[in-house]
Amino acid sequence: MGVYPAPLCAAYGQYYQAYFATQGRRAYPRCIYVGGEFPLLQYVLLVTLVN
């Protein structure tokens, strides 16, 4: 979904969790560290959906 700084990644994860909850689905967001010179800028957001 994109590469974000850690706090923004966590915020997006909570947003997606709340959004999918309104549709009766459970979302499990995870921020995956992908490395780089700037650790705070190198997280990828993955959202797993469960019906």
Protein backbone atom coordinates (compact mmCIF):
# COMPACT_ATOMS: atom_id res chain seq x y z
CA MET A 1 0.00 0.00 0.00
CA GLY A 2 2.97 2.26 0.36
CA VAL A 3 5.99 3.10 2.50
CA TYR A 4 5.31 5.28 5.55
CA PRO A 5 7.02 6.54 8.70
CA ALA A 6 6.22 4.37 11.74
CA PRO A 7 3.59 6.65 13.42
CA LEU A 8 1.74 7.21 10.14
CA CYS A 9 1.81 3.50 9.36
CA ALA A 10 0.23 2.73 12.74
CA ALA A 11 -2.43 5.41 12.21
CA TYR A 12 -3.32 4.08 8.75
CA GLY A 13 -3.52 0.59 10.21
CA GLN A 14 -6.06 1.75 12.80
CA TYR A 15 -8.03 3.56 10.10
CA TYR A 16 -8.30 0.46 7.93
CA GLN A 17 -9.23 -1.65 10.96
CA ALA A 18 -12.08 0.74 11.81
CA TYR A 19 -13.18 1.06 8.18
CA PHE A 20 -13.48 -2.67 7.59
CA ALA A 21 -15.18 -3.14 10.98
CA THR A 22 -18.06 -1.02 9.68
CA GLN A 23 -18.48 -3.63 6.93
CA GLY A 24 -18.47 -6.51 9.40
CA ARG A 25 -14.98 -7.65 8.47
CA ARG A 26 -11.93 -8.00 10.66
CA ALA A 27 -8.69 -6.42 9.50
CA TYR A 28 -5.28 -7.14 10.96
CA PRO A 29 -2.87 -4.33 10.02
CA ARG A 30 0.88 -4.88 10.35
CA CYS A 31 3.73 -2.46 9.81
CA ILE A 32 6.67 -4.30 8.30
CA TYR A 33 10.14 -2.73 8.56
CA VAL A 34 11.84 -2.85 5.18
CA GLY A 35 15.22 -1.30 6.06
CA GLY A 36 17.06 1.65 4.61
CA GLU A 37 19.07 4.60 5.85
CA PHE A 38 16.11 6.24 7.56
CA PRO A 39 14.46 3.63 9.79
CA LEU A 40 11.43 5.79 10.56
CA LEU A 41 10.63 6.16 6.88
CA GLN A 42 10.79 2.53 5.84
CA TYR A 43 7.64 0.73 6.94
CA VAL A 44 5.18 -1.02 4.65
CA LEU A 45 1.56 -1.39 5.74
CA LEU A 46 0.02 -4.82 5.19
CA VAL A 47 -3.64 -5.40 6.00
CA THR A 48 -4.95 -8.95 6.31
CA LEU A 49 -8.72 -9.31 5.98
CA VAL A 50 -10.80 -12.03 7.60
CA ASN A 51 -14.48 -12.41 6.70
